[in-house]
PDB file of N, CA and C in Angstrom:
ATOM      1  N   MET A   1       0.846  -1.185   0.000  1.00  0.00           N
ATOM      2  CA  MET A   1       0.000   0.000   0.000  1.00  0.00           C
ATOM      3  C   MET A   1       0.889   1.245   0.000  1.00  0.00           C
ATOM      4  N   ASN A   2       0.707   2.110  -0.987  1.00  0.00           N
ATOM      5  CA  ASN A   2       1.426   3.372  -1.026  1.00  0.00           C
ATOM      6  C   ASN A   2       0.768   4.346  -0.068  1.00  0.00           C
ATOM      7  N   VAL A   3       1.605   5.088   0.676  1.00  0.00           N
ATOM      8  CA  VAL A   3       1.051   6.024   1.646  1.00  0.00           C
ATOM      9  C   VAL A   3       1.565   7.430   1.369  1.00  0.00           C
ATOM     10  N   ASN A   4       0.806   8.388   1.826  1.00  0.00           N
ATOM     11  CA  ASN A   4       1.129   9.801   1.704  1.00  0.00           C
ATOM     12  C   ASN A   4       1.103  10.411   3.094  1.00  0.00           C
ATOM     13  N   ASN A   5       2.065  11.260   3.392  1.00  0.00           N
ATOM     14  CA  ASN A   5       2.022  12.022   4.635  1.00  0.00           C
ATOM     15  C   ASN A   5       1.140  13.239   4.406  1.00  0.00           C
ATOM     16  N   VAL A   6       0.211  13.462   5.311  1.00  0.00           N
ATOM     17  CA  VAL A   6      -0.705  14.599   5.199  1.00  0.00           C
ATOM     18  C   VAL A   6      -0.634  15.405   6.487  1.00  0.00           C
ATOM     19  N   PHE A   7      -0.418  16.709   6.338  1.00  0.00           N
ATOM     20  CA  PHE A   7      -0.373  17.636   7.464  1.00  0.00           C
ATOM     21  C   PHE A   7      -1.705  18.359   7.526  1.00  0.00           C
ATOM     22  N   VAL A   8      -2.392  18.270   8.661  1.00  0.00           N
ATOM     23  CA  VAL A   8      -3.647  18.993   8.842  1.00  0.00           C
ATOM     24  C   VAL A   8      -3.429  20.072   9.899  1.00  0.00           C
ATOM     25  N   TYR A   9      -3.952  21.255   9.635  1.00  0.00           N
ATOM     26  CA  TYR A   9      -3.673  22.406  10.496  1.00  0.00           C
ATOM     27  C   TYR A   9      -4.932  23.126  10.954  1.00  0.00           C
ATOM     28  N   GLY A  10      -6.081  22.631  10.564  1.00  0.00           N
ATOM     29  CA  GLY A  10      -7.320  23.341  10.894  1.00  0.00           C
ATOM     30  C   GLY A  10      -8.394  22.418  11.413  1.00  0.00           C
ATOM     31  N   THR A  11      -9.532  22.401  10.720  1.00  0.00           N
ATOM     32  CA  THR A  11     -10.704  21.707  11.230  1.00  0.00           C
ATOM     33  C   THR A  11     -10.599  20.186  11.164  1.00  0.00           C
ATOM     34  N   LEU A  12      -9.568  19.637  10.497  1.00  0.00           N
ATOM     35  CA  LEU A  12      -9.380  18.187  10.464  1.00  0.00           C
ATOM     36  C   LEU A  12      -8.576  17.676  11.669  1.00  0.00           C
ATOM     37  N   LYS A  13      -8.000  18.574  12.465  1.00  0.00           N
ATOM     38  CA  LYS A  13      -7.217  18.160  13.637  1.00  0.00           C
ATOM     39  C   LYS A  13      -8.113  17.546  14.708  1.00  0.00           C
ATOM     40  N   LYS A  14      -7.486  16.772  15.595  1.00  0.00           N
ATOM     41  CA  LYS A  14      -8.210  16.188  16.730  1.00  0.00           C
ATOM     42  C   LYS A  14      -8.889  17.295  17.529  1.00  0.00           C
ATOM     43  N   GLY A  15     -10.130  17.040  17.922  1.00  0.00           N
ATOM     44  CA  GLY A  15     -10.875  18.012  18.718  1.00  0.00           C
ATOM     45  C   GLY A  15     -11.548  19.108  17.903  1.00  0.00           C
ATOM     46  N   GLN A  16     -11.367  19.100  16.593  1.00  0.00           N
ATOM     47  CA  GLN A  16     -11.967  20.116  15.731  1.00  0.00           C
ATOM     48  C   GLN A  16     -13.185  19.529  14.996  1.00  0.00           C
ATOM     49  N   PRO A  17     -14.058  20.382  14.470  1.00  0.00           N
ATOM     50  CA  PRO A  17     -15.339  19.913  13.950  1.00  0.00           C
ATOM     51  C   PRO A  17     -15.271  18.911  12.793  1.00  0.00           C
ATOM     52  N   ASN A  18     -14.233  18.940  11.974  1.00  0.00           N
ATOM     53  CA  ASN A  18     -14.173  18.019  10.838  1.00  0.00           C
ATOM     54  C   ASN A  18     -13.235  16.838  11.065  1.00  0.00           C
ATOM     55  N   ASN A  19     -12.787  16.633  12.295  1.00  0.00           N
ATOM     56  CA  ASN A  19     -11.915  15.488  12.567  1.00  0.00           C
ATOM     57  C   ASN A  19     -12.624  14.168  12.310  1.00  0.00           C
ATOM     58  N   TYR A  20     -13.948  14.174  12.383  1.00  0.00           N
ATOM     59  CA  TYR A  20     -14.694  12.948  12.093  1.00  0.00           C
ATOM     60  C   TYR A  20     -14.333  12.420  10.699  1.00  0.00           C
ATOM     61  N   TYR A  21     -13.986  13.342   9.778  1.00  0.00           N
ATOM     62  CA  TYR A  21     -13.666  12.899   8.428  1.00  0.00           C
ATOM     63  C   TYR A  21     -12.325  12.176   8.382  1.00  0.00           C
ATOM     64  N   MET A  22     -11.366  12.595   9.198  1.00  0.00           N
ATOM     65  CA  MET A  22     -10.097  11.861   9.278  1.00  0.00           C
ATOM     66  C   MET A  22     -10.361  10.458   9.809  1.00  0.00           C
ATOM     67  N   ALA A  23     -11.283  10.347  10.773  1.00  0.00           N
ATOM     68  CA  ALA A  23     -11.620   9.040  11.340  1.00  0.00           C
ATOM     69  C   ALA A  23     -12.273   8.129  10.300  1.00  0.00           C
ATOM     70  N   LYS A  24     -12.951   8.708   9.315  1.00  0.00           N
ATOM     71  CA  LYS A  24     -13.567   7.919   8.245  1.00  0.00           C
ATOM     72  C   LYS A  24     -12.526   7.348   7.282  1.00  0.00           C
ATOM     73  N   CYS A  25     -11.341   7.925   7.256  1.00  0.00           N
ATOM     74  CA  CYS A  25     -10.268   7.444   6.376  1.00  0.00           C
ATOM     75  C   CYS A  25      -9.661   6.196   7.018  1.00  0.00           C
ATOM     76  N   GLN A  26     -10.039   5.036   6.508  1.00  0.00           N
ATOM     77  CA  GLN A  26      -9.643   3.779   7.141  1.00  0.00           C
ATOM     78  C   GLN A  26      -8.134   3.567   7.167  1.00  0.00           C
ATOM     79  N   SER A  27      -7.418   4.138   6.218  1.00  0.00           N
ATOM     80  CA  SER A  27      -5.967   3.948   6.190  1.00  0.00           C
ATOM     81  C   SER A  27      -5.216   4.946   7.068  1.00  0.00           C
ATOM     82  N   ALA A  28      -5.912   5.974   7.571  1.00  0.00           N
ATOM     83  CA  ALA A  28      -5.241   7.059   8.298  1.00  0.00           C
ATOM     84  C   ALA A  28      -4.555   6.552   9.560  1.00  0.00           C
ATOM     85  N   LYS A  29      -3.279   6.917   9.683  1.00  0.00           N
ATOM     86  CA  LYS A  29      -2.496   6.595  10.880  1.00  0.00           C
ATOM     87  C   LYS A  29      -1.885   7.895  11.392  1.00  0.00           C
ATOM     88  N   TYR A  30      -2.182   8.221  12.634  1.00  0.00           N
ATOM     89  CA  TYR A  30      -1.679   9.443  13.260  1.00  0.00           C
ATOM     90  C   TYR A  30      -0.192   9.280  13.565  1.00  0.00           C
ATOM     91  N   LEU A  31       0.635  10.202  13.050  1.00  0.00           N
ATOM     92  CA  LEU A  31       2.078  10.155  13.318  1.00  0.00           C
ATOM     93  C   LEU A  31       2.492  11.078  14.450  1.00  0.00           C
ATOM     94  N   GLY A  32       1.703  12.126  14.712  1.00  0.00           N
ATOM     95  CA  GLY A  32       2.026  13.022  15.816  1.00  0.00           C
ATOM     96  C   GLY A  32       1.818  14.486  15.486  1.00  0.00           C
ATOM     97  N   SER A  33       2.053  15.298  16.504  1.00  0.00           N
ATOM     98  CA  SER A  33       1.985  16.748  16.339  1.00  0.00           C
ATOM     99  C   SER A  33       3.219  17.218  15.583  1.00  0.00           C
ATOM    100  N   ALA A  34       3.055  18.314  14.857  1.00  0.00           N
ATOM    101  CA  ALA A  34       4.147  18.804  14.029  1.00  0.00           C
ATOM    102  C   ALA A  34       3.952  20.288  13.756  1.00  0.00           C
ATOM    103  N   GLU A  35       4.952  20.865  13.093  1.00  0.00           N
ATOM    104  CA  GLU A  35       4.811  22.244  12.636  1.00  0.00           C
ATOM    105  C   GLU A  35       5.582  22.397  11.330  1.00  0.00           C
ATOM    106  N   THR A  36       5.230  23.413  10.587  1.00  0.00           N
ATOM    107  CA  THR A  36       5.921  23.666   9.330  1.00  0.00           C
ATOM    108  C   THR A  36       7.350  24.118   9.607  1.00  0.00           C
ATOM    109  N   ARG A  37       8.290  23.692   8.756  1.00  0.00           N
ATOM    110  CA  ARG A  37       9.676  24.141   8.905  1.00  0.00           C
ATOM    111  C   ARG A  37       9.777  25.626   8.561  1.00  0.00           C
ATOM    112  N   ASP A  38       9.090  26.006   7.492  1.00  0.00           N
ATOM    113  CA  ASP A  38       9.075  27.406   7.082  1.00  0.00           C
ATOM    114  C   ASP A  38       7.865  28.109   7.682  1.00  0.00           C
ATOM    115  N   ARG A  39       7.898  29.421   7.624  1.00  0.00           N
ATOM    116  CA  ARG A  39       6.789  30.217   8.133  1.00  0.00           C
ATOM    117  C   ARG A  39       5.813  30.523   7.005  1.00  0.00           C
ATOM    118  N   PHE A  40       4.520  30.447   7.330  1.00  0.00           N
ATOM    119  CA  PHE A  40       3.451  30.724   6.368  1.00  0.00           C
ATOM    120  C   PHE A  40       2.364  31.537   7.062  1.00  0.00           C
ATOM    121  N   PRO A  41       1.672  32.398   6.310  1.00  0.00           N
ATOM    122  CA  PRO A  41       0.504  33.067   6.880  1.00  0.00           C
ATOM    123  C   PRO A  41      -0.626  32.059   7.083  1.00  0.00           C
ATOM    124  N   LEU A  42      -1.288  32.156   8.200  1.00  0.00           N
ATOM    125  CA  LEU A  42      -2.479  31.361   8.484  1.00  0.00           C
ATOM    126  C   LEU A  42      -3.588  32.356   8.774  1.00  0.00           C
ATOM    127  N   VAL A  43      -4.594  32.363   7.939  1.00  0.00           N
ATOM    128  CA  VAL A  43      -5.685  33.325   8.079  1.00  0.00           C
ATOM    129  C   VAL A  43      -6.984  32.588   8.348  1.00  0.00           C
ATOM    130  N   ILE A  44      -7.917  33.282   8.945  1.00  0.00           N
ATOM    131  CA  ILE A  44      -9.246  32.726   9.190  1.00  0.00           C
ATOM    132  C   ILE A  44     -10.171  33.316   8.140  1.00  0.00           C
ATOM    133  N   GLY A  45     -10.734  32.429   7.326  1.00  0.00           N
ATOM    134  CA  GLY A  45     -11.590  32.869   6.235  1.00  0.00           C
ATOM    135  C   GLY A  45     -13.052  32.799   6.589  1.00  0.00           C
ATOM    136  N   ASP A  46     -13.868  32.823   5.545  1.00  0.00           N
ATOM    137  CA  ASP A  46     -15.317  32.701   5.719  1.00  0.00           C
ATOM    138  C   ASP A  46     -15.654  31.455   6.519  1.00  0.00           C
ATOM    139  N   TRP A  47     -16.710  31.490   7.239  1.00  0.00           N
ATOM    140  CA  TRP A  47     -17.197  30.383   8.056  1.00  0.00           C
ATOM    141  C   TRP A  47     -16.188  29.964   9.120  1.00  0.00           C
ATOM    142  N   ASN A  48     -15.296  30.886   9.503  1.00  0.00           N
ATOM    143  CA  ASN A  48     -14.309  30.637  10.552  1.00  0.00           C
ATOM    144  C   ASN A  48     -13.361  29.490  10.198  1.00  0.00           C
ATOM    145  N   LEU A  49     -13.009  29.356   8.912  1.00  0.00           N
ATOM    146  CA  LEU A  49     -12.128  28.284   8.453  1.00  0.00           C
ATOM    147  C   LEU A  49     -10.693  28.777   8.340  1.00  0.00           C
ATOM    148  N   PRO A  50      -9.736  28.065   8.971  1.00  0.00           N
ATOM    149  CA  PRO A  50      -8.331  28.447   8.829  1.00  0.00           C
ATOM    150  C   PRO A  50      -7.816  28.073   7.440  1.00  0.00           C
ATOM    151  N   MET A  51      -7.031  28.977   6.856  1.00  0.00           N
ATOM    152  CA  MET A  51      -6.448  28.740   5.538  1.00  0.00           C
ATOM    153  C   MET A  51      -4.987  29.173   5.559  1.00  0.00           C
ATOM    154  N   MET A  52      -4.116  28.266   5.135  1.00  0.00           N
ATOM    155  CA  MET A  52      -2.701  28.588   5.008  1.00  0.00           C
ATOM    156  C   MET A  52      -2.462  29.165   3.626  1.00  0.00           C
ATOM    157  N   VAL A  53      -1.670  30.217   3.567  1.00  0.00           N
ATOM    158  CA  VAL A  53      -1.376  30.881   2.304  1.00  0.00           C
ATOM    159  C   VAL A  53       0.051  30.522   1.895  1.00  0.00           C
ATOM    160  N   ASP A  54       0.238  30.196   0.624  1.00  0.00           N
ATOM    161  CA  ASP A  54       1.532  29.785   0.100  1.00  0.00           C
ATOM    162  C   ASP A  54       2.428  31.001  -0.103  1.00  0.00           C
ATOM    163  N   ALA A  55       2.922  31.545   1.002  1.00  0.00           N
ATOM    164  CA  ALA A  55       3.816  32.707   0.982  1.00  0.00           C
ATOM    165  C   ALA A  55       4.872  32.486   2.065  1.00  0.00           C
ATOM    166  N   ILE A  56       5.925  31.758   1.717  1.00  0.00           N
ATOM    167  CA  ILE A  56       6.967  31.392   2.695  1.00  0.00           C
ATOM    168  C   ILE A  56       7.569  32.631   3.338  1.00  0.00           C
ATOM    169  N   SER A  57       7.799  32.535   4.634  1.00  0.00           N
ATOM    170  CA  SER A  57       8.436  33.561   5.466  1.00  0.00           C
ATOM    171  C   SER A  57       7.558  34.769   5.727  1.00  0.00           C
ATOM    172  N   ALA A  58       6.291  34.699   5.373  1.00  0.00           N
ATOM    173  CA  ALA A  58       5.413  35.846   5.577  1.00  0.00           C
ATOM    174  C   ALA A  58       4.513  35.682   6.791  1.00  0.00           C
ATOM    175  N   GLY A  59       4.744  34.676   7.622  1.00  0.00           N
ATOM    176  CA  GLY A  59       3.871  34.450   8.775  1.00  0.00           C
ATOM    177  C   GLY A  59       4.620  33.767   9.886  1.00  0.00           C
ATOM    178  N   ASN A  60       4.048  32.680  10.388  1.00  0.00           N
ATOM    179  CA  ASN A  60       4.624  31.932  11.501  1.00  0.00           C
ATOM    180  C   ASN A  60       4.726  30.458  11.136  1.00  0.00           C
ATOM    181  N   ASN A  61       5.482  29.703  11.942  1.00  0.00           N
ATOM    182  CA  ASN A  61       5.467  28.252  11.795  1.00  0.00           C
ATOM    183  C   ASN A  61       4.076  27.791  12.200  1.00  0.00           C
ATOM    184  N   VAL A  62       3.438  27.017  11.347  1.00  0.00           N
ATOM    185  CA  VAL A  62       2.062  26.590  11.580  1.00  0.00           C
ATOM    186  C   VAL A  62       2.074  25.231  12.266  1.00  0.00           C
ATOM    187  N   LYS A  63       1.341  25.129  13.369  1.00  0.00           N
ATOM    188  CA  LYS A  63       1.238  23.875  14.120  1.00  0.00           C
ATOM    189  C   LYS A  63       0.072  23.049  13.602  1.00  0.00           C
ATOM    190  N   GLY A  64       0.263  21.719  13.636  1.00  0.00           N
ATOM    191  CA  GLY A  64      -0.794  20.838  13.181  1.00  0.00           C
ATOM    192  C   GLY A  64      -0.488  19.395  13.537  1.00  0.00           C
ATOM    193  N   GLU A  65      -1.043  18.482  12.775  1.00  0.00           N
ATOM    194  CA  GLU A  65      -0.873  17.041  12.998  1.00  0.00           C
ATOM    195  C   GLU A  65      -0.536  16.376  11.668  1.00  0.00           C
ATOM    196  N   VAL A  66       0.192  15.263  11.752  1.00  0.00           N
ATOM    197  CA  VAL A  66       0.555  14.522  10.546  1.00  0.00           C
ATOM    198  C   VAL A  66      -0.063  13.135  10.598  1.00  0.00           C
ATOM    199  N   TYR A  67      -0.638  12.731   9.473  1.00  0.00           N
ATOM    200  CA  TYR A  67      -1.223  11.408   9.283  1.00  0.00           C
ATOM    201  C   TYR A  67      -0.612  10.798   8.030  1.00  0.00           C
ATOM    202  N   THR A  68      -0.592   9.475   7.956  1.00  0.00           N
ATOM    203  CA  THR A  68      -0.342   8.802   6.696  1.00  0.00           C
ATOM    204  C   THR A  68      -1.689   8.300   6.190  1.00  0.00           C
ATOM    205  N   VAL A  69      -1.892   8.403   4.884  1.00  0.00           N
ATOM    206  CA  VAL A  69      -3.118   7.888   4.261  1.00  0.00           C
ATOM    207  C   VAL A  69      -2.752   7.258   2.924  1.00  0.00           C
ATOM    208  N   ASN A  70      -3.585   6.322   2.461  1.00  0.00           N
ATOM    209  CA  ASN A  70      -3.355   5.733   1.147  1.00  0.00           C
ATOM    210  C   ASN A  70      -3.922   6.666   0.075  1.00  0.00           C
ATOM    211  N   TYR A  71      -3.703   6.290  -1.189  1.00  0.00           N
ATOM    212  CA  TYR A  71      -4.150   7.150  -2.292  1.00  0.00           C
ATOM    213  C   TYR A  71      -5.664   7.330  -2.322  1.00  0.00           C
ATOM    214  N   GLU A  72      -6.403   6.278  -1.983  1.00  0.00           N
ATOM    215  CA  GLU A  72      -7.861   6.394  -1.997  1.00  0.00           C
ATOM    216  C   GLU A  72      -8.339   7.407  -0.961  1.00  0.00           C
ATOM    217  N   ASP A  73      -7.770   7.351   0.236  1.00  0.00           N
ATOM    218  CA  ASP A  73      -8.170   8.309   1.272  1.00  0.00           C
ATOM    219  C   ASP A  73      -7.670   9.712   0.953  1.00  0.00           C
ATOM    220  N   LEU A  74      -6.513   9.817   0.305  1.00  0.00           N
ATOM    221  CA  LEU A  74      -6.024  11.128  -0.109  1.00  0.00           C
ATOM    222  C   LEU A  74      -6.995  11.748  -1.117  1.00  0.00           C
ATOM    223  N   ALA A  75      -7.482  10.940  -2.043  1.00  0.00           N
ATOM    224  CA  ALA A  75      -8.463  11.432  -3.013  1.00  0.00           C
ATOM    225  C   ALA A  75      -9.754  11.856  -2.314  1.00  0.00           C
ATOM    226  N   ALA A  76     -10.168  11.096  -1.297  1.00  0.00           N
ATOM    227  CA  ALA A  76     -11.372  11.453  -0.535  1.00  0.00           C
ATOM    228  C   ALA A  76     -11.164  12.769   0.222  1.00  0.00           C
ATOM    229  N   LEU A  77      -9.976  12.970   0.777  1.00  0.00           N
ATOM    230  CA  LEU A  77      -9.676  14.236   1.457  1.00  0.00           C
ATOM    231  C   LEU A  77      -9.688  15.395   0.469  1.00  0.00           C
ATOM    232  N   ASP A  78      -9.134  15.168  -0.720  1.00  0.00           N
ATOM    233  CA  ASP A  78      -9.174  16.210  -1.753  1.00  0.00           C
ATOM    234  C   ASP A  78     -10.610  16.612  -2.062  1.00  0.00           C
ATOM    235  N   GLU A  79     -11.466  15.626  -2.207  1.00  0.00           N
ATOM    236  CA  GLU A  79     -12.868  15.923  -2.502  1.00  0.00           C
ATOM    237  C   GLU A  79     -13.517  16.671  -1.342  1.00  0.00           C
ATOM    238  N   PHE A  80     -13.266  16.217  -0.120  1.00  0.00           N
ATOM    239  CA  PHE A  80     -13.834  16.857   1.069  1.00  0.00           C
ATOM    240  C   PHE A  80     -13.387  18.320   1.176  1.00  0.00           C
ATOM    241  N   GLU A  81     -12.115  18.584   0.844  1.00  0.00           N
ATOM    242  CA  GLU A  81     -11.546  19.932   0.953  1.00  0.00           C
ATOM    243  C   GLU A  81     -11.732  20.762  -0.322  1.00  0.00           C
ATOM    244  N   ASP A  82     -12.466  20.210  -1.299  1.00  0.00           N
ATOM    245  CA  ASP A  82     -12.716  20.905  -2.556  1.00  0.00           C
ATOM    246  C   ASP A  82     -11.408  21.291  -3.250  1.00  0.00           C
ATOM    247  N   CYS A  83     -10.507  20.317  -3.316  1.00  0.00           N
ATOM    248  CA  CYS A  83      -9.204  20.501  -3.939  1.00  0.00           C
ATOM    249  C   CYS A  83      -9.251  19.876  -5.334  1.00  0.00           C
ATOM    250  N   PRO A  84      -8.918  20.562  -6.383  1.00  0.00           N
ATOM    251  CA  PRO A  84      -8.117  21.785  -6.448  1.00  0.00           C
ATOM    252  C   PRO A  84      -8.911  23.072  -6.683  1.00  0.00           C
ATOM    253  N   GLU A  85     -10.231  23.045  -6.565  1.00  0.00           N
ATOM    254  CA  GLU A  85     -10.998  24.264  -6.842  1.00  0.00           C
ATOM    255  C   GLU A  85     -10.809  25.350  -5.778  1.00  0.00           C
ATOM    256  N   LEU A  86     -10.951  25.000  -4.515  1.00  0.00           N
ATOM    257  CA  LEU A  86     -10.831  25.973  -3.436  1.00  0.00           C
ATOM    258  C   LEU A  86      -9.429  25.986  -2.849  1.00  0.00           C
ATOM    259  N   TYR A  87      -8.843  24.809  -2.678  1.00  0.00           N
ATOM    260  CA  TYR A  87      -7.500  24.649  -2.116  1.00  0.00           C
ATOM    261  C   TYR A  87      -6.631  23.940  -3.136  1.00  0.00           C
ATOM    262  N   PHE A  88      -5.304  23.938  -2.890  1.00  0.00           N
ATOM    263  CA  PHE A  88      -4.428  23.108  -3.698  1.00  0.00           C
ATOM    264  C   PHE A  88      -3.440  22.395  -2.795  1.00  0.00           C
ATOM    265  N   ARG A  89      -2.913  21.273  -3.296  1.00  0.00           N
ATOM    266  CA  ARG A  89      -1.953  20.487  -2.538  1.00  0.00           C
ATOM    267  C   ARG A  89      -0.545  20.827  -2.974  1.00  0.00           C
ATOM    268  N   LYS A  90       0.367  20.784  -1.995  1.00  0.00           N
ATOM    269  CA  LYS A  90       1.775  21.050  -2.276  1.00  0.00           C
ATOM    270  C   LYS A  90       2.616  20.330  -1.226  1.00  0.00           C
ATOM    271  N   GLU A  91       3.775  19.827  -1.633  1.00  0.00           N
ATOM    272  CA  GLU A  91       4.679  19.227  -0.656  1.00  0.00           C
ATOM    273  C   GLU A  91       5.488  20.321   0.019  1.00  0.00           C
ATOM    274  N   ILE A  92       5.535  20.260   1.344  1.00  0.00           N
ATOM    275  CA  ILE A  92       6.371  21.177   2.123  1.00  0.00           C
ATOM    276  C   ILE A  92       7.061  20.371   3.214  1.00  0.00           C
ATOM    277  N   ASP A  93       8.030  20.980   3.872  1.00  0.00           N
ATOM    278  CA  ASP A  93       8.754  20.327   4.949  1.00  0.00           C
ATOM    279  C   ASP A  93       8.035  20.549   6.268  1.00  0.00           C
ATOM    280  N   ILE A  94       7.860  19.448   6.990  1.00  0.00           N
ATOM    281  CA  ILE A  94       7.163  19.457   8.276  1.00  0.00           C
ATOM    282  C   ILE A  94       8.084  18.845   9.331  1.00  0.00           C
ATOM    283  N   LEU A  95       8.124  19.445  10.497  1.00  0.00           N
ATOM    284  CA  LEU A  95       8.929  18.936  11.604  1.00  0.00           C
ATOM    285  C   LEU A  95       8.022  18.266  12.623  1.00  0.00           C
ATOM    286  N   LEU A  96       8.235  16.966  12.844  1.00  0.00           N
ATOM    287  CA  LEU A  96       7.493  16.266  13.889  1.00  0.00           C
ATOM    288  C   LEU A  96       7.998  16.710  15.250  1.00  0.00           C
ATOM    289  N   GLU A  97       7.170  16.529  16.279  1.00  0.00           N
ATOM    290  CA  GLU A  97       7.543  16.923  17.643  1.00  0.00           C
ATOM    291  C   GLU A  97       8.847  16.283  18.085  1.00  0.00           C
ATOM    292  N   ASP A  98       9.114  15.055  17.602  1.00  0.00           N
ATOM    293  CA  ASP A  98      10.336  14.363  18.008  1.00  0.00           C
ATOM    294  C   ASP A  98      11.541  14.812  17.188  1.00  0.00           C
ATOM    295  N   SER A  99      11.413  15.918  16.491  1.00  0.00           N
ATOM    296  CA  SER A  99      12.473  16.549  15.704  1.00  0.00           C
ATOM    297  C   SER A  99      12.789  15.839  14.402  1.00  0.00           C
ATOM    298  N   LYS A 100      12.023  14.819  14.049  1.00  0.00           N
ATOM    299  CA  LYS A 100      12.205  14.205  12.746  1.00  0.00           C
ATOM    300  C   LYS A 100      11.563  15.107  11.703  1.00  0.00           C
ATOM    301  N   THR A 101      12.215  15.203  10.578  1.00  0.00           N
ATOM    302  CA  THR A 101      11.679  15.998   9.492  1.00  0.00           C
ATOM    303  C   THR A 101      11.092  15.069   8.445  1.00  0.00           C
ATOM    304  N   LEU A 102       9.904  15.399   7.985  1.00  0.00           N
ATOM    305  CA  LEU A 102       9.209  14.592   6.993  1.00  0.00           C
ATOM    306  C   LEU A 102       8.797  15.466   5.825  1.00  0.00           C
ATOM    307  N   PHE A 103       8.557  14.830   4.708  1.00  0.00           N
ATOM    308  CA  PHE A 103       7.938  15.511   3.579  1.00  0.00           C
ATOM    309  C   PHE A 103       6.467  15.173   3.642  1.00  0.00           C
ATOM    310  N   SER A 104       5.637  16.166   3.590  1.00  0.00           N
ATOM    311  CA  SER A 104       4.213  15.925   3.726  1.00  0.00           C
ATOM    312  C   SER A 104       3.445  16.776   2.740  1.00  0.00           C
ATOM    313  N   GLN A 105       2.237  16.390   2.486  1.00  0.00           N
ATOM    314  CA  GLN A 105       1.390  17.167   1.599  1.00  0.00           C
ATOM    315  C   GLN A 105       0.410  17.977   2.426  1.00  0.00           C
ATOM    316  N   LEU A 106       0.200  19.172   2.008  1.00  0.00           N
ATOM    317  CA  LEU A 106      -0.628  20.108   2.757  1.00  0.00           C
ATOM    318  C   LEU A 106      -1.583  20.780   1.795  1.00  0.00           C
ATOM    319  N   ILE A 107      -2.736  21.164   2.286  1.00  0.00           N
ATOM    320  CA  ILE A 107      -3.676  21.907   1.449  1.00  0.00           C
ATOM    321  C   ILE A 107      -3.494  23.393   1.735  1.00  0.00           C
ATOM    322  N   PHE A 108      -3.113  24.138   0.727  1.00  0.00           N
ATOM    323  CA  PHE A 108      -3.019  25.589   0.829  1.00  0.00           C
ATOM    324  C   PHE A 108      -4.335  26.185   0.376  1.00  0.00           C
ATOM    325  N   GLU A 109      -4.585  27.386   0.832  1.00  0.00           N
ATOM    326  CA  GLU A 109      -5.737  28.123   0.353  1.00  0.00           C
ATOM    327  C   GLU A 109      -5.443  28.465  -1.095  1.00  0.00           C
ATOM    328  N   SER A 110      -6.352  28.140  -2.073  1.00  0.00           N
ATOM    329  CA  SER A 110      -6.197  28.196  -3.540  1.00  0.00           C
ATOM    330  C   SER A 110      -5.010  28.850  -4.106  1.00  0.00           C
ATOM    331  N   LEU A 111      -3.168  22.948   1.385  1.00  0.00           N
ATOM    332  CA  LEU A 111      -1.777  22.517   1.301  1.00  0.00           C
ATOM    333  C   LEU A 111      -1.813  21.100   1.818  1.00  0.00           C
ATOM    334  N   TYR A 112      -1.456  20.006   1.404  1.00  0.00           N
ATOM    335  CA  TYR A 112      -1.004  18.776   1.950  1.00  0.00           C
ATOM    336  C   TYR A 112       0.524  18.871   2.047  1.00  0.00           C
ATOM    337  N   VAL A 113       1.391  17.971   2.810  1.00  0.00           N
ATOM    338  CA  VAL A 113       2.745  18.301   3.268  1.00  0.00           C
ATOM    339  C   VAL A 113       3.814  17.247   3.052  1.00  0.00           C
ATOM    340  N   ARG A 114       5.047  17.660   2.997  1.00  0.00           N
ATOM    341  CA  ARG A 114       6.190  16.765   2.890  1.00  0.00           C
ATOM    342  C   ARG A 114       6.940  16.817   4.206  1.00  0.00           C
ATOM    343  N   LEU A 115       7.095  15.680   4.841  1.00  0.00           N
ATOM    344  CA  LEU A 115       7.820  15.619   6.098  1.00  0.00           C
ATOM    345  C   LEU A 115       9.288  15.365   5.812  1.00  0.00           C
ATOM    346  N   ILE A 116      10.182  16.095   6.465  1.00  0.00           N
ATOM    347  CA  ILE A 116      11.619  15.883   6.228  1.00  0.00           C
ATOM    348  C   ILE A 116      12.300  15.468   7.503  1.00  0.00           C
TER     349      ILE A 116
END
């Protein structure tokens, strides 16, 4: 099974309103808390939704969680997040709490993440 690292920074995180959707992803495995290696703006958009903007060094290190998912669940997450119409995916460097760096895919506001 091919897996993808996915960094979630908003409503898909544990304790947030859309985390139920991560639980629906049967392949999803929680790897831990993490943050972006680079700094990005994180803004709150319509309907109180957090959106990361693809503008390196223009904000702060964004905190979130990293999961592994298979391609089918990644496609389901894309559909749930209206990607690529509203958001787009991009690989970025993510630092796990244990200081491991991963490449992960992140959804940016029109990021999935790369953990290094």
